[in-house]
PDB file of N, CA and C in Angstrom:
ATOM      1  N   UNK A   1     109.734  91.901  84.999  1.00  0.00           N
ATOM      2  CA  UNK A   1     108.955  91.209  86.020  1.00  0.00           C
ATOM      3  C   UNK A   1     108.039  92.083  86.696  1.00  0.00           C
ATOM      4  N   UNK A   2     106.880  91.725  86.996  1.00  0.00           N
ATOM      5  CA  UNK A   2     105.956  92.555  87.692  1.00  0.00           C
ATOM      6  C   UNK A   2     106.229  92.404  89.165  1.00  0.00           C
ATOM      7  N   UNK A   3     106.502  93.529  89.853  1.00  0.00           N
ATOM      8  CA  UNK A   3     106.868  93.504  91.278  1.00  0.00           C
ATOM      9  C   UNK A   3     105.506  93.704  92.126  1.00  0.00           C
ATOM     10  N   UNK A   4     104.683  94.684  91.647  1.00  0.00           N
ATOM     11  CA  UNK A   4     103.439  94.880  92.354  1.00  0.00           C
ATOM     12  C   UNK A   4     102.405  95.542  91.430  1.00  0.00           C
ATOM     13  N   UNK A   5     101.209  95.250  91.814  1.00  0.00           N
ATOM     14  CA  UNK A   5     100.109  95.872  91.128  1.00  0.00           C
ATOM     15  C   UNK A   5      98.991  96.187  92.095  1.00  0.00           C
ATOM     16  N   UNK A   6      98.705  97.428  92.293  1.00  0.00           N
ATOM     17  CA  UNK A   6      97.616  97.850  93.326  1.00  0.00           C
ATOM     18  C   UNK A   6      96.529  98.581  92.492  1.00  0.00           C
ATOM     19  N   UNK A   7      95.400  98.079  92.721  1.00  0.00           N
ATOM     20  CA  UNK A   7      94.200  98.718  91.970  1.00  0.00           C
ATOM     21  C   UNK A   7      93.146  99.077  92.954  1.00  0.00           C
ATOM     22  N   UNK A   8      92.654 100.320  92.744  1.00  0.00           N
ATOM     23  CA  UNK A   8      91.554 100.817  93.602  1.00  0.00           C
ATOM     24  C   UNK A   8      90.355 101.027  92.779  1.00  0.00           C
ATOM     25  N   UNK A   9      89.142 100.768  93.409  1.00  0.00           N
ATOM     26  CA  UNK A   9      87.923 100.864  92.644  1.00  0.00           C
ATOM     27  C   UNK A   9      86.990 101.844  93.346  1.00  0.00           C
ATOM     28  N   UNK A  10      86.167 102.450  92.541  1.00  0.00           N
ATOM     29  CA  UNK A  10      85.220 103.406  93.052  1.00  0.00           C
ATOM     30  C   UNK A  10      84.004 102.604  93.495  1.00  0.00           C
ATOM     31  N   UNK A  11      82.934 103.471  93.986  1.00  0.00           N
ATOM     32  CA  UNK A  11      81.622 103.011  94.468  1.00  0.00           C
ATOM     33  C   UNK A  11      80.943 102.108  93.395  1.00  0.00           C
ATOM     34  N   UNK A  12      81.150 102.418  92.107  1.00  0.00           N
ATOM     35  CA  UNK A  12      80.455 101.639  91.087  1.00  0.00           C
ATOM     36  C   UNK A  12      81.363 100.471  90.650  1.00  0.00           C
ATOM     37  N   UNK A  13      82.418 100.169  91.308  1.00  0.00           N
ATOM     38  CA  UNK A  13      83.316  99.043  91.058  1.00  0.00           C
ATOM     39  C   UNK A  13      84.050  99.210  89.833  1.00  0.00           C
ATOM     40  N   UNK A  14      84.301 100.451  89.379  1.00  0.00           N
ATOM     41  CA  UNK A  14      85.177 100.683  88.201  1.00  0.00           C
ATOM     42  C   UNK A  14      86.515 101.155  88.672  1.00  0.00           C
ATOM     43  N   UNK A  15      87.600 100.820  87.901  1.00  0.00           N
ATOM     44  CA  UNK A  15      88.931 101.152  88.366  1.00  0.00           C
ATOM     45  C   UNK A  15      89.002 102.735  88.553  1.00  0.00           C
ATOM     46  N   UNK A  16      89.492 103.186  89.706  1.00  0.00           N
ATOM     47  CA  UNK A  16      89.560 104.594  89.920  1.00  0.00           C
ATOM     48  C   UNK A  16      91.087 104.985  89.786  1.00  0.00           C
ATOM     49  N   UNK A  17      91.942 104.121  90.194  1.00  0.00           N
ATOM     50  CA  UNK A  17      93.438 104.283  90.017  1.00  0.00           C
ATOM     51  C   UNK A  17      94.171 102.995  90.079  1.00  0.00           C
ATOM     52  N   UNK A  18      95.364 103.032  89.559  1.00  0.00           N
ATOM     53  CA  UNK A  18      96.138 101.758  89.433  1.00  0.00           C
ATOM     54  C   UNK A  18      97.571 102.177  89.584  1.00  0.00           C
ATOM     55  N   UNK A  19      98.316 101.462  90.386  1.00  0.00           N
ATOM     56  CA  UNK A  19      99.800 101.590  90.423  1.00  0.00           C
ATOM     57  C   UNK A  19     100.489 100.213  90.070  1.00  0.00           C
ATOM     58  N   UNK A  20     101.372 100.323  89.178  1.00  0.00           N
ATOM     59  CA  UNK A  20     102.092  99.113  88.794  1.00  0.00           C
ATOM     60  C   UNK A  20     103.653  99.293  88.885  1.00  0.00           C
ATOM     61  N   UNK A  21     104.355  98.370  89.492  1.00  0.00           N
ATOM     62  CA  UNK A  21     105.847  98.465  89.545  1.00  0.00           C
ATOM     63  C   UNK A  21     106.416  97.281  88.843  1.00  0.00           C
ATOM     64  N   UNK A  22     107.299  97.565  87.824  1.00  0.00           N
ATOM     65  CA  UNK A  22     107.941  96.518  87.123  1.00  0.00           C
ATOM     66  C   UNK A  22     109.387  96.692  87.326  1.00  0.00           C
ATOM     67  N   UNK A  23     110.091  95.521  87.396  1.00  0.00           N
ATOM     68  CA  UNK A  23     111.549  95.384  87.535  1.00  0.00           C
ATOM     69  C   UNK A  23     112.249  95.642  86.180  1.00  0.00           C
ATOM     70  N   UNK A  24     113.335  96.344  86.175  1.00  0.00           N
ATOM     71  CA  UNK A  24     114.232  96.356  84.982  1.00  0.00           C
ATOM     72  C   UNK A  24     115.508  95.648  85.439  1.00  0.00           C
ATOM     73  N   UNK A  25     115.665  94.461  84.967  1.00  0.00           N
ATOM     74  CA  UNK A  25     116.847  93.696  85.495  1.00  0.00           C
ATOM     75  C   UNK A  25     118.195  94.199  84.948  1.00  0.00           C
ATOM     76  N   UNK A  26     119.208  94.143  85.810  1.00  0.00           N
ATOM     77  CA  UNK A  26     120.595  94.411  85.353  1.00  0.00           C
ATOM     78  C   UNK A  26     120.898  93.479  84.166  1.00  0.00           C
ATOM     79  N   UNK A  27     121.583  94.053  83.141  1.00  0.00           N
ATOM     80  CA  UNK A  27     121.917  93.223  81.993  1.00  0.00           C
ATOM     81  C   UNK A  27     123.312  93.615  81.454  1.00  0.00           C
ATOM     82  N   UNK A  28     123.753  93.075  80.433  1.00  0.00           N
ATOM     83  CA  UNK A  28     124.946  93.440  79.797  1.00  0.00           C
ATOM     84  C   UNK A  28     124.672  93.878  78.384  1.00  0.00           C
ATOM     85  N   UNK A  29     125.145  95.123  78.062  1.00  0.00           N
ATOM     86  CA  UNK A  29     124.772  95.639  76.670  1.00  0.00           C
ATOM     87  C   UNK A  29     125.758  95.058  75.593  1.00  0.00           C
ATOM     88  N   UNK A  30     125.532  95.480  74.416  1.00  0.00           N
ATOM     89  CA  UNK A  30     126.039  94.878  73.246  1.00  0.00           C
ATOM     90  C   UNK A  30     127.669  95.040  73.204  1.00  0.00           C
ATOM     91  N   UNK A  31     128.069  96.063  74.041  1.00  0.00           N
ATOM     92  CA  UNK A  31     129.549  96.217  74.204  1.00  0.00           C
ATOM     93  C   UNK A  31     130.110  95.559  75.288  1.00  0.00           C
ATOM     94  N   UNK A  32     129.375  94.682  76.128  1.00  0.00           N
ATOM     95  CA  UNK A  32     129.939  93.948  77.206  1.00  0.00           C
ATOM     96  C   UNK A  32     129.869  94.680  78.487  1.00  0.00           C
ATOM     97  N   UNK A  33     129.341  95.842  78.581  1.00  0.00           N
ATOM     98  CA  UNK A  33     129.255  96.633  79.803  1.00  0.00           C
ATOM     99  C   UNK A  33     127.882  96.375  80.603  1.00  0.00           C
ATOM    100  N   UNK A  34     128.032  96.524  81.864  1.00  0.00           N
ATOM    101  CA  UNK A  34     126.789  96.271  82.655  1.00  0.00           C
ATOM    102  C   UNK A  34     125.889  97.474  82.535  1.00  0.00           C
ATOM    103  N   UNK A  35     124.569  97.175  82.369  1.00  0.00           N
ATOM    104  CA  UNK A  35     123.550  98.195  82.318  1.00  0.00           C
ATOM    105  C   UNK A  35     122.818  97.877  83.569  1.00  0.00           C
ATOM    106  N   UNK A  36     122.859  98.975  84.457  1.00  0.00           N
ATOM    107  CA  UNK A  36     122.294  98.846  85.836  1.00  0.00           C
ATOM    108  C   UNK A  36     120.811  98.661  85.760  1.00  0.00           C
ATOM    109  N   UNK A  37     120.199  98.049  86.599  1.00  0.00           N
ATOM    110  CA  UNK A  37     118.719  97.820  86.647  1.00  0.00           C
ATOM    111  C   UNK A  37     118.006  98.924  87.306  1.00  0.00           C
ATOM    112  N   UNK A  38     116.794  98.723  87.443  1.00  0.00           N
ATOM    113  CA  UNK A  38     115.956  99.802  88.022  1.00  0.00           C
ATOM    114  C   UNK A  38     114.418  99.357  88.105  1.00  0.00           C
ATOM    115  N   UNK A  39     113.512 100.289  88.084  1.00  0.00           N
ATOM    116  CA  UNK A  39     112.130  99.923  88.141  1.00  0.00           C
ATOM    117  C   UNK A  39     111.353 101.033  87.408  1.00  0.00           C
ATOM    118  N   UNK A  40     110.311 100.464  86.762  1.00  0.00           N
ATOM    119  CA  UNK A  40     109.269 101.494  86.196  1.00  0.00           C
ATOM    120  C   UNK A  40     108.049 101.518  87.117  1.00  0.00           C
ATOM    121  N   UNK A  41     107.660 102.630  87.520  1.00  0.00           N
ATOM    122  CA  UNK A  41     106.503 102.902  88.356  1.00  0.00           C
ATOM    123  C   UNK A  41     105.448 103.592  87.494  1.00  0.00           C
ATOM    124  N   UNK A  42     104.323 102.918  87.288  1.00  0.00           N
ATOM    125  CA  UNK A  42     103.254 103.477  86.420  1.00  0.00           C
ATOM    126  C   UNK A  42     102.079 103.730  87.219  1.00  0.00           C
ATOM    127  N   UNK A  43     101.457 104.878  87.004  1.00  0.00           N
ATOM    128  CA  UNK A  43     100.212 105.302  87.672  1.00  0.00           C
ATOM    129  C   UNK A  43      99.234 105.692  86.584  1.00  0.00           C
ATOM    130  N   UNK A  44      98.007 105.191  86.804  1.00  0.00           N
ATOM    131  CA  UNK A  44      96.832 105.325  85.865  1.00  0.00           C
ATOM    132  C   UNK A  44      95.630 105.887  86.623  1.00  0.00           C
ATOM    133  N   UNK A  45      94.935 106.819  86.165  1.00  0.00           N
ATOM    134  CA  UNK A  45      93.821 107.341  86.824  1.00  0.00           C
ATOM    135  C   UNK A  45      92.548 106.697  86.101  1.00  0.00           C
ATOM    136  N   UNK A  46      91.335 107.084  86.605  1.00  0.00           N
ATOM    137  CA  UNK A  46      90.125 106.578  86.143  1.00  0.00           C
ATOM    138  C   UNK A  46      89.816 106.896  84.665  1.00  0.00           C
ATOM    139  N   UNK A  47      90.392 107.955  84.086  1.00  0.00           N
ATOM    140  CA  UNK A  47      90.328 108.347  82.739  1.00  0.00           C
ATOM    141  C   UNK A  47      91.267 107.600  81.806  1.00  0.00           C
ATOM    142  N   UNK A  48      92.228 106.738  82.369  1.00  0.00           N
ATOM    143  CA  UNK A  48      93.115 106.070  81.591  1.00  0.00           C
ATOM    144  C   UNK A  48      94.506 106.771  81.423  1.00  0.00           C
ATOM    145  N   UNK A  49      94.556 107.982  81.984  1.00  0.00           N
ATOM    146  CA  UNK A  49      95.754 108.777  81.777  1.00  0.00           C
ATOM    147  C   UNK A  49      96.816 108.044  82.609  1.00  0.00           C
ATOM    148  N   UNK A  50      97.972 107.784  81.909  1.00  0.00           N
ATOM    149  CA  UNK A  50      99.079 107.016  82.573  1.00  0.00           C
ATOM    150  C   UNK A  50     100.271 107.867  82.523  1.00  0.00           C
ATOM    151  N   UNK A  51     100.978 107.801  83.666  1.00  0.00           N
ATOM    152  CA  UNK A  51     102.283 108.411  83.962  1.00  0.00           C
ATOM    153  C   UNK A  51     103.249 107.298  84.322  1.00  0.00           C
ATOM    154  N   UNK A  52     104.381 107.316  83.765  1.00  0.00           N
ATOM    155  CA  UNK A  52     105.466 106.293  84.062  1.00  0.00           C
ATOM    156  C   UNK A  52     106.658 107.009  84.419  1.00  0.00           C
ATOM    157  N   UNK A  53     107.252 106.531  85.573  1.00  0.00           N
ATOM    158  CA  UNK A  53     108.462 106.992  86.122  1.00  0.00           C
ATOM    159  C   UNK A  53     109.575 105.959  86.176  1.00  0.00           C
ATOM    160  N   UNK A  54     110.727 106.225  85.607  1.00  0.00           N
ATOM    161  CA  UNK A  54     111.788 105.138  85.757  1.00  0.00           C
ATOM    162  C   UNK A  54     112.669 105.520  86.899  1.00  0.00           C
ATOM    163  N   UNK A  55     112.875 104.642  87.788  1.00  0.00           N
ATOM    164  CA  UNK A  55     113.667 104.760  89.022  1.00  0.00           C
ATOM    165  C   UNK A  55     114.942 103.990  88.861  1.00  0.00           C
ATOM    166  N   UNK A  56     116.036 104.541  89.170  1.00  0.00           N
ATOM    167  CA  UNK A  56     117.264 103.513  89.277  1.00  0.00           C
ATOM    168  C   UNK A  56     117.176 102.822  90.614  1.00  0.00           C
ATOM    169  N   UNK A  57     118.030 101.888  90.869  1.00  0.00           N
ATOM    170  CA  UNK A  57     118.025 101.037  92.056  1.00  0.00           C
ATOM    171  C   UNK A  57     118.152 101.892  93.247  1.00  0.00           C
ATOM    172  N   UNK A  58     118.954 102.868  93.264  1.00  0.00           N
ATOM    173  CA  UNK A  58     119.176 103.710  94.460  1.00  0.00           C
ATOM    174  C   UNK A  58     117.967 104.535  94.862  1.00  0.00           C
ATOM    175  N   UNK A  59     117.337 105.109  93.817  1.00  0.00           N
ATOM    176  CA  UNK A  59     116.062 105.832  94.011  1.00  0.00           C
ATOM    177  C   UNK A  59     114.984 104.917  94.436  1.00  0.00           C
ATOM    178  N   UNK A  60     114.883 103.727  94.000  1.00  0.00           N
ATOM    179  CA  UNK A  60     113.938 102.794  94.386  1.00  0.00           C
ATOM    180  C   UNK A  60     114.175 102.396  95.942  1.00  0.00           C
ATOM    181  N   UNK A  61     115.320 102.105  96.351  1.00  0.00           N
ATOM    182  CA  UNK A  61     115.709 101.783  97.680  1.00  0.00           C
ATOM    183  C   UNK A  61     115.320 102.888  98.682  1.00  0.00           C
ATOM    184  N   UNK A  62     115.664 104.148  98.208  1.00  0.00           N
ATOM    185  CA  UNK A  62     115.542 105.263  98.994  1.00  0.00           C
ATOM    186  C   UNK A  62     113.993 105.490  99.197  1.00  0.00           C
ATOM    187  N   UNK A  63     113.142 105.316  98.111  1.00  0.00           N
ATOM    188  CA  UNK A  63     111.731 105.454  98.221  1.00  0.00           C
ATOM    189  C   UNK A  63     111.235 104.327  99.256  1.00  0.00           C
ATOM    190  N   UNK A  64     111.689 103.048  99.081  1.00  0.00           N
ATOM    191  CA  UNK A  64     111.200 102.077  99.919  1.00  0.00           C
ATOM    192  C   UNK A  64     111.506 102.375 101.327  1.00  0.00           C
ATOM    193  N   UNK A  65     112.676 102.779 101.578  1.00  0.00           N
ATOM    194  CA  UNK A  65     113.131 103.082 102.970  1.00  0.00           C
ATOM    195  C   UNK A  65     112.268 104.182 103.606  1.00  0.00           C
ATOM    196  N   UNK A  66     111.993 105.195 102.815  1.00  0.00           N
ATOM    197  CA  UNK A  66     111.166 106.283 103.306  1.00  0.00           C
ATOM    198  C   UNK A  66     109.710 105.850 103.558  1.00  0.00           C
ATOM    199  N   UNK A  67     109.211 105.001 102.682  1.00  0.00           N
ATOM    200  CA  UNK A  67     107.845 104.414 102.987  1.00  0.00           C
ATOM    201  C   UNK A  67     107.805 103.647 104.193  1.00  0.00           C
ATOM    202  N   UNK A  68     108.781 102.748 104.400  1.00  0.00           N
ATOM    203  CA  UNK A  68     108.893 101.899 105.581  1.00  0.00           C
ATOM    204  C   UNK A  68     109.060 102.782 106.841  1.00  0.00           C
ATOM    205  N   UNK A  69     109.899 103.890 106.832  1.00  0.00           N
ATOM    206  CA  UNK A  69     109.978 104.745 107.969  1.00  0.00           C
ATOM    207  C   UNK A  69     108.641 105.468 108.366  1.00  0.00           C
ATOM    208  N   UNK A  70     107.966 105.896 107.289  1.00  0.00           N
ATOM    209  CA  UNK A  70     106.604 106.570 107.503  1.00  0.00           C
ATOM    210  C   UNK A  70     105.657 105.557 108.035  1.00  0.00           C
ATOM    211  N   UNK A  71     105.710 104.256 107.550  1.00  0.00           N
ATOM    212  CA  UNK A  71     104.853 103.238 108.035  1.00  0.00           C
ATOM    213  C   UNK A  71     105.133 102.997 109.516  1.00  0.00           C
ATOM    214  N   UNK A  72     106.329 102.893 109.978  1.00  0.00           N
ATOM    215  CA  UNK A  72     106.730 102.678 111.298  1.00  0.00           C
ATOM    216  C   UNK A  72     106.253 103.832 112.224  1.00  0.00           C
ATOM    217  N   UNK A  73     106.286 105.012 111.671  1.00  0.00           N
ATOM    218  CA  UNK A  73     105.689 106.161 112.433  1.00  0.00           C
ATOM    219  C   UNK A  73     104.181 106.175 112.551  1.00  0.00           C
ATOM    220  N   UNK A  74     103.557 105.639 111.593  1.00  0.00           N
ATOM    221  CA  UNK A  74     102.079 105.510 111.549  1.00  0.00           C
ATOM    222  C   UNK A  74     101.704 104.514 112.643  1.00  0.00           C
ATOM    223  N   UNK A  75     102.472 103.252 112.604  1.00  0.00           N
ATOM    224  CA  UNK A  75     102.138 102.294 113.640  1.00  0.00           C
ATOM    225  C   UNK A  75     102.426 102.771 114.982  1.00  0.00           C
ATOM    226  N   UNK A  76     103.460 103.508 115.317  1.00  0.00           N
ATOM    227  CA  UNK A  76     103.825 104.074 116.552  1.00  0.00           C
ATOM    228  C   UNK A  76     102.742 104.999 117.051  1.00  0.00           C
ATOM    229  N   UNK A  77     102.353 105.869 116.110  1.00  0.00           N
ATOM    230  CA  UNK A  77     101.278 106.881 116.522  1.00  0.00           C
ATOM    231  C   UNK A  77      99.929 106.142 116.755  1.00  0.00           C
ATOM    232  N   UNK A  78      99.674 105.164 115.960  1.00  0.00           N
ATOM    233  CA  UNK A  78      98.428 104.436 116.187  1.00  0.00           C
ATOM    234  C   UNK A  78      98.323 103.690 117.527  1.00  0.00           C
ATOM    235  N   UNK A  79      99.564 103.075 117.866  1.00  0.00           N
ATOM    236  CA  UNK A  79      99.658 102.429 119.172  1.00  0.00           C
ATOM    237  C   UNK A  79      99.457 103.490 120.294  1.00  0.00           C
ATOM    238  N   UNK A  80     100.123 104.611 120.205  1.00  0.00           N
ATOM    239  CA  UNK A  80     100.018 105.702 121.232  1.00  0.00           C
ATOM    240  C   UNK A  80      98.538 106.119 121.471  1.00  0.00           C
ATOM    241  N   UNK A  81      97.890 106.311 120.290  1.00  0.00           N
ATOM    242  CA  UNK A  81      96.483 106.758 120.288  1.00  0.00           C
ATOM    243  C   UNK A  81      95.605 105.706 121.056  1.00  0.00           C
ATOM    244  N   UNK A  82      95.840 104.442 120.668  1.00  0.00           N
ATOM    245  CA  UNK A  82      95.097 103.321 121.195  1.00  0.00           C
ATOM    246  C   UNK A  82      95.282 103.200 122.699  1.00  0.00           C
ATOM    247  N   UNK A  83      96.533 103.472 123.204  1.00  0.00           N
ATOM    248  CA  UNK A  83      96.826 103.370 124.640  1.00  0.00           C
ATOM    249  C   UNK A  83      96.109 104.526 125.281  1.00  0.00           C
ATOM    250  N   UNK A  84      96.127 105.629 124.668  1.00  0.00           N
ATOM    251  CA  UNK A  84      95.507 106.925 125.216  1.00  0.00           C
ATOM    252  C   UNK A  84      93.925 106.689 125.338  1.00  0.00           C
ATOM    253  N   UNK A  85      93.364 106.075 124.330  1.00  0.00           N
ATOM    254  CA  UNK A  85      91.967 105.833 124.359  1.00  0.00           C
ATOM    255  C   UNK A  85      91.582 104.767 125.429  1.00  0.00           C
ATOM    256  N   UNK A  86      92.396 103.761 125.692  1.00  0.00           N
ATOM    257  CA  UNK A  86      92.175 102.755 126.652  1.00  0.00           C
ATOM    258  C   UNK A  86      92.238 103.401 128.067  1.00  0.00           C
ATOM    259  N   UNK A  87      93.064 104.294 128.320  1.00  0.00           N
ATOM    260  CA  UNK A  87      93.281 104.869 129.536  1.00  0.00           C
ATOM    261  C   UNK A  87      92.254 106.016 129.873  1.00  0.00           C
ATOM    262  N   UNK A  88      91.463 106.353 128.849  1.00  0.00           N
ATOM    263  CA  UNK A  88      90.448 107.449 129.143  1.00  0.00           C
ATOM    264  C   UNK A  88      89.335 106.770 130.000  1.00  0.00           C
ATOM    265  N   UNK A  89      88.804 107.743 130.854  1.00  0.00           N
ATOM    266  CA  UNK A  89      87.712 107.226 131.795  1.00  0.00           C
ATOM    267  C   UNK A  89      86.450 106.979 131.160  1.00  0.00           C
TER     268      UNK A  89
END
């Protein structure tokens, strides 16, 4: 299942980069054992060069948490800078 697709374009409206995240669902193998799920993260540049990284569930959760934490820090800093700008004479 496609989780996300992010496409960036250059000034001439050609694709400059693309990120795709696909889900690998948990399943049962032919021996009846659980195969843990994960995610494929695919990056492609303007030349079409593609790199695919397979993340297990824990790696994906860790990455998501780190991105959320960095995002919260961005928002906090942006708010502080906006407050500083408002109080400037």
